[in-house]
PDB file of N, CA and C in Angstrom:
ATOM      1  N   MET A   1      33.271  49.278  -8.227  1.00  0.00           N
ATOM      2  CA  MET A   1      33.078  48.376  -7.285  1.00  0.00           C
ATOM      3  C   MET A   1      32.251  48.691  -6.403  1.00  0.00           C
ATOM      4  N   LYS A   2      31.050  47.697  -6.039  1.00  0.00           N
ATOM      5  CA  LYS A   2      30.018  48.332  -5.063  1.00  0.00           C
ATOM      6  C   LYS A   2      30.398  47.920  -3.938  1.00  0.00           C
ATOM      7  N   ARG A   3      30.327  48.810  -2.804  1.00  0.00           N
ATOM      8  CA  ARG A   3      30.829  48.189  -1.226  1.00  0.00           C
ATOM      9  C   ARG A   3      29.560  47.719  -0.623  1.00  0.00           C
ATOM     10  N   PHE A   4      29.874  46.484   0.014  1.00  0.00           N
ATOM     11  CA  PHE A   4      28.918  45.585   0.370  1.00  0.00           C
ATOM     12  C   PHE A   4      28.368  46.239   2.001  1.00  0.00           C
ATOM     13  N   THR A   5      29.024  46.762   2.780  1.00  0.00           N
ATOM     14  CA  THR A   5      28.809  47.855   3.905  1.00  0.00           C
ATOM     15  C   THR A   5      29.847  48.613   4.344  1.00  0.00           C
ATOM     16  N   LYS A   6      29.208  49.798   4.757  1.00  0.00           N
ATOM     17  CA  LYS A   6      30.471  50.514   5.442  1.00  0.00           C
ATOM     18  C   LYS A   6      30.784  50.172   6.895  1.00  0.00           C
ATOM     19  N   ASN A   7      30.006  49.162   7.387  1.00  0.00           N
ATOM     20  CA  ASN A   7      30.353  48.844   8.853  1.00  0.00           C
ATOM     21  C   ASN A   7      31.191  47.481   8.927  1.00  0.00           C
ATOM     22  N   ILE A   8      32.473  47.696   9.453  1.00  0.00           N
ATOM     23  CA  ILE A   8      33.217  46.475   9.386  1.00  0.00           C
ATOM     24  C   ILE A   8      32.695  45.655  10.455  1.00  0.00           C
ATOM     25  N   GLY A   9      32.311  46.124  11.205  1.00  0.00           N
ATOM     26  CA  GLY A   9      31.383  44.862  12.341  1.00  0.00           C
ATOM     27  C   GLY A   9      30.690  43.969  11.832  1.00  0.00           C
ATOM     28  N   MET A  10      29.804  44.518  10.976  1.00  0.00           N
ATOM     29  CA  MET A  10      28.771  43.706  10.333  1.00  0.00           C
ATOM     30  C   MET A  10      29.328  42.995   9.003  1.00  0.00           C
ATOM     31  N   LEU A  11      30.373  43.278   8.552  1.00  0.00           N
ATOM     32  CA  LEU A  11      30.993  42.634   7.556  1.00  0.00           C
ATOM     33  C   LEU A  11      31.822  41.333   8.209  1.00  0.00           C
ATOM     34  N   LEU A  12      32.594  41.681   9.424  1.00  0.00           N
ATOM     35  CA  LEU A  12      33.124  40.615   9.778  1.00  0.00           C
ATOM     36  C   LEU A  12      31.874  39.613  10.391  1.00  0.00           C
ATOM     37  N   LEU A  13      30.910  40.043  10.923  1.00  0.00           N
ATOM     38  CA  LEU A  13      29.851  39.343  11.382  1.00  0.00           C
ATOM     39  C   LEU A  13      29.324  38.157  10.373  1.00  0.00           C
ATOM     40  N   ALA A  14      29.117  38.739   8.935  1.00  0.00           N
ATOM     41  CA  ALA A  14      28.932  38.323   7.873  1.00  0.00           C
ATOM     42  C   ALA A  14      29.832  37.175   7.711  1.00  0.00           C
ATOM     43  N   ILE A  15      30.998  37.364   7.871  1.00  0.00           N
ATOM     44  CA  ILE A  15      32.075  36.432   7.428  1.00  0.00           C
ATOM     45  C   ILE A  15      32.098  35.318   8.516  1.00  0.00           C
ATOM     46  N   TRP A  16      31.878  35.634   9.639  1.00  0.00           N
ATOM     47  CA  TRP A  16      31.865  34.893  10.719  1.00  0.00           C
ATOM     48  C   TRP A  16      30.699  33.741  10.542  1.00  0.00           C
ATOM     49  N   LEU A  17      29.504  34.170  10.218  1.00  0.00           N
ATOM     50  CA  LEU A  17      28.296  33.402  10.078  1.00  0.00           C
ATOM     51  C   LEU A  17      28.705  32.480   8.944  1.00  0.00           C
ATOM     52  N   ILE A  18      29.285  32.838   7.766  1.00  0.00           N
ATOM     53  CA  ILE A  18      29.389  31.932   6.706  1.00  0.00           C
ATOM     54  C   ILE A  18      30.599  31.048   7.054  1.00  0.00           C
ATOM     55  N   ALA A  19      31.541  31.258   7.685  1.00  0.00           N
ATOM     56  CA  ALA A  19      32.445  30.532   8.134  1.00  0.00           C
ATOM     57  C   ALA A  19      31.864  29.438   9.059  1.00  0.00           C
ATOM     58  N   TRP A  20      31.110  29.786  10.070  1.00  0.00           N
ATOM     59  CA  TRP A  20      30.587  29.070  11.090  1.00  0.00           C
ATOM     60  C   TRP A  20      29.655  27.948  10.391  1.00  0.00           C
ATOM     61  N   GLY A  21      28.948  28.330   9.447  1.00  0.00           N
ATOM     62  CA  GLY A  21      28.067  27.391   8.660  1.00  0.00           C
ATOM     63  C   GLY A  21      28.859  26.189   7.808  1.00  0.00           C
ATOM     64  N   LEU A  22      29.915  26.580   7.348  1.00  0.00           N
ATOM     65  CA  LEU A  22      30.891  25.888   6.603  1.00  0.00           C
ATOM     66  C   LEU A  22      31.485  24.845   7.523  1.00  0.00           C
ATOM     67  N   VAL A  23      31.557  25.219   8.833  1.00  0.00           N
ATOM     68  CA  VAL A  23      32.534  24.462   9.898  1.00  0.00           C
ATOM     69  C   VAL A  23      31.456  23.156  10.206  1.00  0.00           C
ATOM     70  N   ALA A  24      30.283  23.713  10.283  1.00  0.00           N
ATOM     71  CA  ALA A  24      29.242  22.889  10.841  1.00  0.00           C
ATOM     72  C   ALA A  24      28.879  21.597   9.609  1.00  0.00           C
ATOM     73  N   LEU A  25      29.114  22.083   8.258  1.00  0.00           N
ATOM     74  CA  LEU A  25      28.712  21.319   7.219  1.00  0.00           C
ATOM     75  C   LEU A  25      29.810  20.489   6.587  1.00  0.00           C
ATOM     76  N   VAL A  26      31.201  21.180   6.824  1.00  0.00           N
ATOM     77  CA  VAL A  26      32.249  20.142   6.367  1.00  0.00           C
ATOM     78  C   VAL A  26      32.973  19.971   7.619  1.00  0.00           C
ATOM     79  N   PRO A  27      33.313  18.641   8.016  1.00  0.00           N
ATOM     80  CA  PRO A  27      33.687  18.110   9.284  1.00  0.00           C
ATOM     81  C   PRO A  27      35.337  18.388   9.051  1.00  0.00           C
ATOM     82  N   ALA A  28      35.875  18.600   7.853  1.00  0.00           N
ATOM     83  CA  ALA A  28      37.493  18.677   7.862  1.00  0.00           C
ATOM     84  C   ALA A  28      37.847  20.149   8.177  1.00  0.00           C
ATOM     85  N   LEU A  29      36.774  20.989   8.448  1.00  0.00           N
ATOM     86  CA  LEU A  29      37.122  22.507   8.894  1.00  0.00           C
ATOM     87  C   LEU A  29      37.126  22.736  10.212  1.00  0.00           C
ATOM     88  N   SER A  30      36.976  21.521  11.062  1.00  0.00           N
ATOM     89  CA  SER A  30      36.367  21.609  12.505  1.00  0.00           C
ATOM     90  C   SER A  30      37.594  22.257  13.289  1.00  0.00           C
ATOM     91  N   GLY A  31      38.943  22.461  12.624  1.00  0.00           N
ATOM     92  CA  GLY A  31      40.128  22.907  13.015  1.00  0.00           C
ATOM     93  C   GLY A  31      40.019  24.546  13.361  1.00  0.00           C
ATOM     94  N   LEU A  32      39.130  25.097  12.794  1.00  0.00           N
ATOM     95  CA  LEU A  32      39.087  26.665  12.493  1.00  0.00           C
ATOM     96  C   LEU A  32      38.184  27.360  13.962  1.00  0.00           C
ATOM     97  N   GLY A  33      38.284  26.412  15.035  1.00  0.00           N
ATOM     98  CA  GLY A  33      37.463  27.013  16.127  1.00  0.00           C
ATOM     99  C   GLY A  33      38.341  28.272  16.646  1.00  0.00           C
ATOM    100  N   LEU A  34      39.659  28.249  16.963  1.00  0.00           N
ATOM    101  CA  LEU A  34      40.129  29.433  17.264  1.00  0.00           C
ATOM    102  C   LEU A  34      40.070  30.934  16.167  1.00  0.00           C
ATOM    103  N   VAL A  35      40.081  30.623  14.981  1.00  0.00           N
ATOM    104  CA  VAL A  35      39.937  31.724  14.058  1.00  0.00           C
ATOM    105  C   VAL A  35      38.671  32.159  14.071  1.00  0.00           C
ATOM    106  N   LEU A  36      37.632  31.406  14.333  1.00  0.00           N
ATOM    107  CA  LEU A  36      36.081  31.682  14.372  1.00  0.00           C
ATOM    108  C   LEU A  36      36.033  32.474  15.668  1.00  0.00           C
ATOM    109  N   ALA A  37      36.731  32.073  16.797  1.00  0.00           N
ATOM    110  CA  ALA A  37      36.420  32.827  18.064  1.00  0.00           C
ATOM    111  C   ALA A  37      36.986  34.311  17.960  1.00  0.00           C
ATOM    112  N   VAL A  38      38.342  34.416  17.361  1.00  0.00           N
ATOM    113  CA  VAL A  38      39.001  35.735  17.225  1.00  0.00           C
ATOM    114  C   VAL A  38      38.201  36.569  16.489  1.00  0.00           C
ATOM    115  N   LEU A  39      37.661  36.041  15.301  1.00  0.00           N
ATOM    116  CA  LEU A  39      36.666  36.670  14.357  1.00  0.00           C
ATOM    117  C   LEU A  39      35.486  37.125  15.036  1.00  0.00           C
ATOM    118  N   ALA A  40      34.726  36.525  15.854  1.00  0.00           N
ATOM    119  CA  ALA A  40      33.661  36.727  16.822  1.00  0.00           C
ATOM    120  C   ALA A  40      33.924  37.962  17.724  1.00  0.00           C
ATOM    121  N   ILE A  41      34.857  37.982  18.236  1.00  0.00           N
ATOM    122  CA  ILE A  41      35.508  38.826  19.232  1.00  0.00           C
ATOM    123  C   ILE A  41      35.543  40.293  18.547  1.00  0.00           C
ATOM    124  N   ALA A  42      36.331  40.375  17.534  1.00  0.00           N
ATOM    125  CA  ALA A  42      36.648  41.406  16.598  1.00  0.00           C
ATOM    126  C   ALA A  42      35.315  41.912  16.162  1.00  0.00           C
ATOM    127  N   ALA A  43      34.497  41.111  15.532  1.00  0.00           N
ATOM    128  CA  ALA A  43      33.085  41.487  15.291  1.00  0.00           C
ATOM    129  C   ALA A  43      32.403  42.412  15.885  1.00  0.00           C
ATOM    130  N   GLY A  44      32.305  41.705  17.354  1.00  0.00           N
ATOM    131  CA  GLY A  44      31.629  41.978  18.406  1.00  0.00           C
ATOM    132  C   GLY A  44      32.394  43.573  18.778  1.00  0.00           C
ATOM    133  N   ILE A  45      33.478  43.372  18.849  1.00  0.00           N
ATOM    134  CA  ILE A  45      34.176  44.791  19.345  1.00  0.00           C
ATOM    135  C   ILE A  45      33.794  46.293  18.167  1.00  0.00           C
ATOM    136  N   PHE A  46      33.808  45.497  16.995  1.00  0.00           N
ATOM    137  CA  PHE A  46      33.496  46.638  15.979  1.00  0.00           C
ATOM    138  C   PHE A  46      32.070  46.910  15.956  1.00  0.00           C
ATOM    139  N   ILE A  47      31.094  46.192  16.472  1.00  0.00           N
ATOM    140  CA  ILE A  47      29.874  46.698  16.408  1.00  0.00           C
ATOM    141  C   ILE A  47      29.263  47.467  17.384  1.00  0.00           C
ATOM    142  N   LEU A  48      30.201  47.116  18.793  1.00  0.00           N
ATOM    143  CA  LEU A  48      29.944  48.078  19.762  1.00  0.00           C
ATOM    144  C   LEU A  48      30.563  49.483  19.637  1.00  0.00           C
ATOM    145  N   LEU A  49      31.643  49.313  18.713  1.00  0.00           N
ATOM    146  CA  LEU A  49      32.194  50.694  18.530  1.00  0.00           C
ATOM    147  C   LEU A  49      31.319  51.529  17.331  1.00  0.00           C
ATOM    148  N   ASP A  50      30.330  50.743  16.781  1.00  0.00           N
ATOM    149  CA  ASP A  50      29.615  51.343  15.848  1.00  0.00           C
ATOM    150  C   ASP A  50      30.394  51.609  14.538  1.00  0.00           C
ATOM    151  N   ARG A  51      31.548  50.697  14.177  1.00  0.00           N
ATOM    152  CA  ARG A  51      32.298  50.978  13.113  1.00  0.00           C
ATOM    153  C   ARG A  51      31.980  49.910  11.890  1.00  0.00           C
TER     154      ARG A  51
END
């Protein structure tokens, strides 16, 4: 199995970007604001820690 990335921060950022795009396109997913906020904070922390 091929690894997408070794950097968990970049992986979380990629997931956040995909989720944000889906929320913008599908109005029924607008309740995911809190989940996206937590995911963005986690991605930022991991990127700052260079992990």
